[in-house]
Amino acid sequence: MGAVRIIKKRGKVFKRHQSDRWDRVKTNWRKPRGIDNRVRRRFKGSLPMPKIGYGSDKRTRFLMPDGLRRYLVKDVQSVDVLLMHNKDYGVEIARTVGGRKRLQIIERAKALGLKVVNPRAKLRTEE
């Protein structure tokens, strides 16, 4: 896995046409469909549209910078699924999991040699 470098073809997000003009037009991408729209017609100097060429390499898609893929875990039993895949996947604890069960998941992942992506979430003590 380490032989292939992770390359992102575009770092910036695609912005919606004319979202800078009005507050009611949010920046989330929407495909322009107007008959005279300059973005849809790809005029020079207009915003770029998302297309298939911006996609990531199939070998590095969904990889985190450390070379692992995320695996969402909601209970302790689902950590055992990754027993043989500790070099390929990292455990991401779901946001709905509470503090007590979160500690059990972290202990089980440590016993199996798995990396936990978000180990400190929800475990901060109040002062």
N, C-alpha and C. Protein backbone atom coordinates (compact mmCIF):
# COMPACT_ATOMS: atom_id res chain seq x y z
N MET A 1 0.80 -1.20 0.00
CA MET A 1 0.00 0.00 0.00
C MET A 1 0.85 1.26 0.00
N GLY A 2 1.98 1.24 0.66
CA GLY A 2 2.79 2.43 0.77
C GLY A 2 3.44 2.85 -0.54
N ALA A 3 3.44 1.98 -1.56
CA ALA A 3 4.09 2.30 -2.82
C ALA A 3 3.32 3.35 -3.62
N VAL A 4 2.01 3.38 -3.50
CA VAL A 4 1.21 4.32 -4.27
C VAL A 4 0.98 5.59 -3.45
N ARG A 5 1.35 6.75 -4.04
CA ARG A 5 1.17 8.01 -3.36
C ARG A 5 -0.26 8.50 -3.50
N ILE A 6 -0.80 9.08 -2.44
CA ILE A 6 -2.16 9.61 -2.48
C ILE A 6 -2.12 10.99 -3.12
N ILE A 7 -2.81 11.12 -4.26
CA ILE A 7 -2.84 12.39 -4.98
C ILE A 7 -4.29 12.85 -5.09
N LYS A 8 -4.55 14.05 -4.60
CA LYS A 8 -5.87 14.66 -4.77
C LYS A 8 -5.78 15.59 -5.97
N LYS A 9 -6.66 15.43 -6.94
CA LYS A 9 -6.59 16.25 -8.14
C LYS A 9 -7.11 17.66 -7.90
N ARG A 10 -7.96 17.82 -6.89
CA ARG A 10 -8.47 19.16 -6.56
C ARG A 10 -8.66 19.26 -5.06
N GLY A 11 -8.09 20.31 -4.47
CA GLY A 11 -8.23 20.48 -3.04
C GLY A 11 -9.41 21.34 -2.66
N LYS A 12 -9.79 22.27 -3.55
CA LYS A 12 -10.88 23.19 -3.24
C LYS A 12 -12.23 22.53 -3.52
N VAL A 13 -13.25 23.01 -2.82
CA VAL A 13 -14.59 22.49 -3.05
C VAL A 13 -15.21 23.23 -4.24
N PHE A 14 -16.13 22.58 -4.93
CA PHE A 14 -16.84 23.21 -6.03
C PHE A 14 -17.96 24.07 -5.46
N LYS A 15 -17.97 25.35 -5.85
CA LYS A 15 -18.97 26.27 -5.34
C LYS A 15 -20.09 26.43 -6.33
N ARG A 16 -21.29 26.69 -5.81
CA ARG A 16 -22.45 26.89 -6.66
C ARG A 16 -22.37 28.22 -7.38
N HIS A 17 -22.81 28.24 -8.61
CA HIS A 17 -22.80 29.46 -9.44
C HIS A 17 -23.64 30.55 -8.78
N GLN A 18 -23.06 31.74 -8.68
CA GLN A 18 -23.68 32.94 -8.10
C GLN A 18 -23.96 32.83 -6.60
N SER A 19 -23.29 31.89 -5.93
CA SER A 19 -23.48 31.80 -4.48
C SER A 19 -22.77 32.94 -3.76
N ASP A 20 -21.87 33.63 -4.45
CA ASP A 20 -21.19 34.77 -3.85
C ASP A 20 -22.04 36.05 -3.94
N ARG A 21 -23.09 36.02 -4.75
CA ARG A 21 -23.91 37.22 -4.94
C ARG A 21 -25.00 37.37 -3.89
N TRP A 22 -25.63 36.28 -3.49
CA TRP A 22 -26.75 36.34 -2.56
C TRP A 22 -26.57 35.36 -1.43
N ASP A 23 -27.05 35.74 -0.25
CA ASP A 23 -26.99 34.84 0.90
C ASP A 23 -27.96 33.68 0.76
N ARG A 24 -29.06 33.89 0.04
CA ARG A 24 -30.06 32.83 -0.09
C ARG A 24 -29.58 31.69 -0.99
N VAL A 25 -28.57 31.96 -1.81
CA VAL A 25 -27.99 30.90 -2.66
C VAL A 25 -26.78 30.36 -1.92
N LYS A 26 -26.92 29.16 -1.37
CA LYS A 26 -25.85 28.57 -0.57
C LYS A 26 -24.69 28.12 -1.47
N THR A 27 -23.54 27.85 -0.85
CA THR A 27 -22.36 27.48 -1.63
C THR A 27 -22.35 26.01 -2.05
N ASN A 28 -23.26 25.19 -1.48
CA ASN A 28 -23.28 23.77 -1.85
C ASN A 28 -23.51 23.62 -3.35
N TRP A 29 -22.76 22.72 -3.97
CA TRP A 29 -22.82 22.58 -5.42
C TRP A 29 -24.19 22.11 -5.90
N ARG A 30 -24.70 22.81 -6.91
CA ARG A 30 -25.88 22.39 -7.66
C ARG A 30 -25.54 22.55 -9.13
N LYS A 31 -25.90 21.59 -9.94
CA LYS A 31 -25.58 21.67 -11.36
C LYS A 31 -26.43 22.75 -12.03
N PRO A 32 -25.80 23.68 -12.75
CA PRO A 32 -26.57 24.70 -13.45
C PRO A 32 -27.30 24.10 -14.64
N ARG A 33 -28.59 24.46 -14.81
CA ARG A 33 -29.38 23.86 -15.88
C ARG A 33 -30.01 24.88 -16.82
N GLY A 34 -29.64 26.14 -16.66
CA GLY A 34 -30.22 27.17 -17.52
C GLY A 34 -29.72 27.08 -18.95
N ILE A 35 -30.54 27.54 -19.91
CA ILE A 35 -30.16 27.41 -21.32
C ILE A 35 -29.01 28.35 -21.68
N ASP A 36 -28.89 29.47 -20.99
CA ASP A 36 -27.83 30.43 -21.30
C ASP A 36 -26.72 30.43 -20.25
N ASN A 37 -26.71 29.48 -19.34
CA ASN A 37 -25.79 29.53 -18.21
C ASN A 37 -24.35 29.35 -18.68
N ARG A 38 -23.49 30.29 -18.25
CA ARG A 38 -22.09 30.28 -18.70
C ARG A 38 -21.28 29.18 -18.03
N VAL A 39 -21.65 28.78 -16.81
CA VAL A 39 -20.93 27.71 -16.13
C VAL A 39 -21.22 26.37 -16.82
N ARG A 40 -22.50 26.14 -17.13
CA ARG A 40 -22.88 24.90 -17.81
C ARG A 40 -22.24 24.81 -19.18
N ARG A 41 -22.13 25.96 -19.87
CA ARG A 41 -21.55 25.98 -21.21
C ARG A 41 -20.02 26.03 -21.18
N ARG A 42 -19.45 26.10 -19.98
CA ARG A 42 -18.00 26.05 -19.75
C ARG A 42 -17.24 27.19 -20.45
N PHE A 43 -17.74 28.41 -20.26
CA PHE A 43 -17.06 29.57 -20.80
C PHE A 43 -15.75 29.80 -20.05
N LYS A 44 -14.81 30.43 -20.76
CA LYS A 44 -13.52 30.73 -20.16
C LYS A 44 -13.69 31.72 -19.01
N GLY A 45 -13.06 31.45 -17.88
CA GLY A 45 -13.14 32.34 -16.73
C GLY A 45 -14.29 32.05 -15.80
N SER A 46 -15.15 31.11 -16.14
CA SER A 46 -16.26 30.77 -15.25
C SER A 46 -15.86 29.65 -14.30
N LEU A 47 -16.74 29.36 -13.35
CA LEU A 47 -16.44 28.36 -12.33
C LEU A 47 -16.30 26.96 -12.95
N PRO A 48 -15.40 26.13 -12.41
CA PRO A 48 -15.31 24.75 -12.91
C PRO A 48 -16.45 23.90 -12.37
N MET A 49 -16.87 22.94 -13.18
CA MET A 49 -17.92 22.02 -12.76
C MET A 49 -17.27 20.69 -12.39
N PRO A 50 -17.84 19.97 -11.42
CA PRO A 50 -17.33 18.64 -11.10
C PRO A 50 -17.52 17.71 -12.29
N LYS A 51 -16.50 16.89 -12.55
CA LYS A 51 -16.62 15.89 -13.60
C LYS A 51 -15.78 14.68 -13.23
N ILE A 52 -15.92 13.63 -13.98
CA ILE A 52 -15.33 12.35 -13.61
C ILE A 52 -13.81 12.40 -13.56
N GLY A 53 -13.21 13.34 -14.28
CA GLY A 53 -11.76 13.43 -14.31
C GLY A 53 -11.14 13.87 -13.00
N TYR A 54 -11.94 14.47 -12.10
CA TYR A 54 -11.43 14.89 -10.81
C TYR A 54 -11.37 13.74 -9.81
N GLY A 55 -11.84 12.56 -10.19
CA GLY A 55 -11.90 11.43 -9.26
C GLY A 55 -10.52 10.96 -8.83
N SER A 56 -10.45 10.35 -7.66
CA SER A 56 -9.18 9.86 -7.13
C SER A 56 -8.81 8.52 -7.76
N ASP A 57 -7.55 8.15 -7.63
CA ASP A 57 -7.08 6.85 -8.08
C ASP A 57 -7.81 5.75 -7.31
N LYS A 58 -8.20 4.71 -8.01
CA LYS A 58 -8.99 3.64 -7.38
C LYS A 58 -8.23 2.99 -6.23
N ARG A 59 -6.90 2.93 -6.35
CA ARG A 59 -6.10 2.28 -5.30
C ARG A 59 -6.00 3.13 -4.04
N THR A 60 -6.13 4.45 -4.18
CA THR A 60 -5.97 5.32 -3.01
C THR A 60 -7.27 5.99 -2.60
N ARG A 61 -8.39 5.67 -3.24
CA ARG A 61 -9.67 6.28 -2.88
C ARG A 61 -10.07 5.86 -1.47
N PHE A 62 -10.57 6.79 -0.69
CA PHE A 62 -11.02 6.60 0.69
C PHE A 62 -9.87 6.33 1.67
N LEU A 63 -8.62 6.48 1.26
CA LEU A 63 -7.50 6.28 2.17
C LEU A 63 -7.27 7.54 3.00
N MET A 64 -6.93 7.33 4.26
CA MET A 64 -6.51 8.44 5.09
C MET A 64 -5.02 8.68 4.84
N PRO A 65 -4.47 9.80 5.27
CA PRO A 65 -3.06 10.08 5.01
C PRO A 65 -2.09 9.02 5.54
N ASP A 66 -2.49 8.27 6.59
CA ASP A 66 -1.61 7.23 7.11
C ASP A 66 -1.75 5.91 6.35
N GLY A 67 -2.56 5.88 5.29
CA GLY A 67 -2.68 4.68 4.46
C GLY A 67 -3.76 3.71 4.88
N LEU A 68 -4.54 4.06 5.91
CA LEU A 68 -5.61 3.18 6.39
C LEU A 68 -6.96 3.65 5.88
N ARG A 69 -7.90 2.71 5.80
CA ARG A 69 -9.28 3.05 5.48
C ARG A 69 -10.07 3.10 6.78
N ARG A 70 -11.13 3.93 6.82
CA ARG A 70 -11.96 4.04 8.02
C ARG A 70 -12.96 2.91 8.07
N TYR A 71 -13.21 2.40 9.28
CA TYR A 71 -14.26 1.41 9.49
C TYR A 71 -15.09 1.89 10.67
N LEU A 72 -16.36 2.20 10.41
CA LEU A 72 -17.23 2.76 11.43
C LEU A 72 -17.71 1.67 12.37
N VAL A 73 -17.54 1.90 13.68
CA VAL A 73 -17.86 0.91 14.69
C VAL A 73 -18.90 1.49 15.65
N LYS A 74 -19.94 0.68 15.93
CA LYS A 74 -20.98 1.14 16.85
C LYS A 74 -21.06 0.30 18.12
N ASP A 75 -20.40 -0.87 18.13
CA ASP A 75 -20.39 -1.70 19.33
C ASP A 75 -19.08 -2.50 19.38
N VAL A 76 -18.86 -3.17 20.50
CA VAL A 76 -17.59 -3.87 20.73
C VAL A 76 -17.45 -5.08 19.79
N GLN A 77 -18.58 -5.73 19.47
CA GLN A 77 -18.51 -6.93 18.63
C GLN A 77 -18.02 -6.61 17.21
N SER A 78 -18.36 -5.44 16.70
CA SER A 78 -17.95 -5.12 15.33
C SER A 78 -16.46 -4.78 15.23
N VAL A 79 -15.78 -4.59 16.35
CA VAL A 79 -14.32 -4.40 16.32
C VAL A 79 -13.64 -5.73 15.96
N ASP A 80 -14.25 -6.85 16.38
CA ASP A 80 -13.66 -8.16 16.11
C ASP A 80 -13.63 -8.51 14.63
N VAL A 81 -14.44 -7.83 13.82
CA VAL A 81 -14.44 -8.08 12.37
C VAL A 81 -13.07 -7.75 11.78
N LEU A 82 -12.39 -6.77 12.37
CA LEU A 82 -11.11 -6.30 11.83
C LEU A 82 -9.91 -7.06 12.38
N LEU A 83 -10.14 -8.23 12.95
CA LEU A 83 -9.07 -9.00 13.58
C LEU A 83 -7.92 -9.26 12.62
N MET A 84 -8.21 -9.65 11.38
CA MET A 84 -7.17 -9.97 10.40
C MET A 84 -6.80 -8.78 9.52
N HIS A 85 -7.43 -7.63 9.73
CA HIS A 85 -7.22 -6.49 8.83
C HIS A 85 -6.67 -5.27 9.56
N ASN A 86 -5.84 -5.47 10.57
CA ASN A 86 -5.38 -4.33 11.36
C ASN A 86 -4.36 -3.47 10.62
N LYS A 87 -3.82 -3.94 9.50
CA LYS A 87 -2.90 -3.11 8.71
C LYS A 87 -3.63 -2.34 7.61
N ASP A 88 -4.89 -2.70 7.37
CA ASP A 88 -5.63 -2.07 6.27
C ASP A 88 -6.67 -1.05 6.75
N TYR A 89 -7.26 -1.29 7.92
CA TYR A 89 -8.36 -0.46 8.38
C TYR A 89 -8.07 0.17 9.74
N GLY A 90 -8.62 1.36 9.94
CA GLY A 90 -8.57 2.03 11.22
C GLY A 90 -9.98 2.13 11.77
N VAL A 91 -10.13 1.99 13.08
CA VAL A 91 -11.44 2.01 13.71
C VAL A 91 -11.87 3.46 13.93
N GLU A 92 -13.08 3.79 13.44
CA GLU A 92 -13.67 5.09 13.73
C GLU A 92 -14.92 4.83 14.55
N ILE A 93 -14.95 5.34 15.78
CA ILE A 93 -16.09 5.13 16.66
C ILE A 93 -17.20 6.10 16.28
N ALA A 94 -18.41 5.57 16.13
CA ALA A 94 -19.55 6.39 15.71
C ALA A 94 -19.85 7.46 16.75
N ARG A 95 -20.43 8.55 16.28
CA ARG A 95 -20.69 9.67 17.18
C ARG A 95 -21.82 9.38 18.14
N THR A 96 -22.63 8.36 17.87
CA THR A 96 -23.75 8.03 18.74
C THR A 96 -23.35 7.16 19.92
N VAL A 97 -22.10 6.68 19.94
CA VAL A 97 -21.64 5.80 21.02
C VAL A 97 -21.28 6.65 22.23
N GLY A 98 -21.75 6.22 23.39
CA GLY A 98 -21.50 6.96 24.63
C GLY A 98 -20.11 6.71 25.19
N GLY A 99 -19.82 7.35 26.32
CA GLY A 99 -18.49 7.29 26.90
C GLY A 99 -18.08 5.93 27.42
N ARG A 100 -18.99 5.23 28.10
CA ARG A 100 -18.65 3.94 28.70
C ARG A 100 -18.33 2.89 27.63
N LYS A 101 -19.19 2.80 26.64
CA LYS A 101 -18.97 1.83 25.57
C LYS A 101 -17.77 2.22 24.70
N ARG A 102 -17.53 3.52 24.62
CA ARG A 102 -16.38 4.01 23.86
C ARG A 102 -15.07 3.51 24.47
N LEU A 103 -15.00 3.50 25.80
CA LEU A 103 -13.80 2.98 26.47
C LEU A 103 -13.61 1.49 26.20
N GLN A 104 -14.71 0.74 26.19
CA GLN A 104 -14.61 -0.70 25.90
C GLN A 104 -14.12 -0.94 24.47
N ILE A 105 -14.59 -0.14 23.53
CA ILE A 105 -14.16 -0.29 22.14
C ILE A 105 -12.68 0.03 22.00
N ILE A 106 -12.21 1.06 22.69
CA ILE A 106 -10.80 1.44 22.62
C ILE A 106 -9.92 0.35 23.21
N GLU A 107 -10.35 -0.24 24.32
CA GLU A 107 -9.57 -1.33 24.93
C GLU A 107 -9.49 -2.54 24.00
N ARG A 108 -10.62 -2.90 23.39
CA ARG A 108 -10.65 -4.06 22.49
C ARG A 108 -9.79 -3.80 21.25
N ALA A 109 -9.82 -2.59 20.74
CA ALA A 109 -9.01 -2.25 19.57
C ALA A 109 -7.53 -2.30 19.90
N LYS A 110 -7.18 -1.85 21.09
CA LYS A 110 -5.78 -1.91 21.50
C LYS A 110 -5.31 -3.35 21.64
N ALA A 111 -6.19 -4.24 22.15
CA ALA A 111 -5.84 -5.65 22.29
C ALA A 111 -5.63 -6.32 20.92
N LEU A 112 -6.36 -5.86 19.91
CA LEU A 112 -6.22 -6.43 18.58
C LEU A 112 -5.17 -5.73 17.73
N GLY A 113 -4.57 -4.68 18.27
CA GLY A 113 -3.54 -3.94 17.53
C GLY A 113 -4.11 -3.04 16.46
N LEU A 114 -5.31 -2.52 16.67
CA LEU A 114 -5.96 -1.64 15.70
C LEU A 114 -5.76 -0.18 16.09
N LYS A 115 -5.68 0.69 15.09
CA LYS A 115 -5.58 2.11 15.35
C LYS A 115 -6.98 2.70 15.43
N VAL A 116 -7.25 3.48 16.49
CA VAL A 116 -8.52 4.16 16.64
C VAL A 116 -8.34 5.59 16.12
N VAL A 117 -9.17 5.97 15.16
CA VAL A 117 -9.02 7.26 14.50
C VAL A 117 -9.40 8.41 15.44
N ASN A 118 -10.47 8.22 16.22
CA ASN A 118 -10.93 9.28 17.12
C ASN A 118 -10.99 8.79 18.56
N PRO A 119 -9.84 8.52 19.19
CA PRO A 119 -9.86 7.94 20.53
C PRO A 119 -10.27 8.90 21.64
N ARG A 120 -10.07 10.21 21.46
CA ARG A 120 -10.32 11.16 22.54
C ARG A 120 -11.69 11.82 22.46
N ALA A 121 -12.49 11.49 21.47
CA ALA A 121 -13.81 12.11 21.34
C ALA A 121 -14.71 11.68 22.48
N LYS A 122 -15.41 12.61 23.06
CA LYS A 122 -16.38 12.40 24.15
C LYS A 122 -15.76 11.90 25.45
N LEU A 123 -14.45 11.80 25.54
CA LEU A 123 -13.83 11.28 26.75
C LEU A 123 -13.13 12.36 27.56
N ARG A 124 -13.31 13.60 27.18
CA ARG A 124 -12.68 14.67 27.92
C ARG A 124 -13.39 14.86 29.26
N THR A 125 -12.63 14.95 30.32
CA THR A 125 -13.22 15.11 31.65
C THR A 125 -13.57 16.57 31.88
N GLU A 126 -14.65 16.80 32.59
CA GLU A 126 -15.05 18.16 32.91
C GLU A 126 -14.29 18.64 34.13
N GLU A 127 -13.87 19.90 34.08
CA GLU A 127 -13.09 20.45 35.19
C GLU A 127 -13.89 21.50 35.92
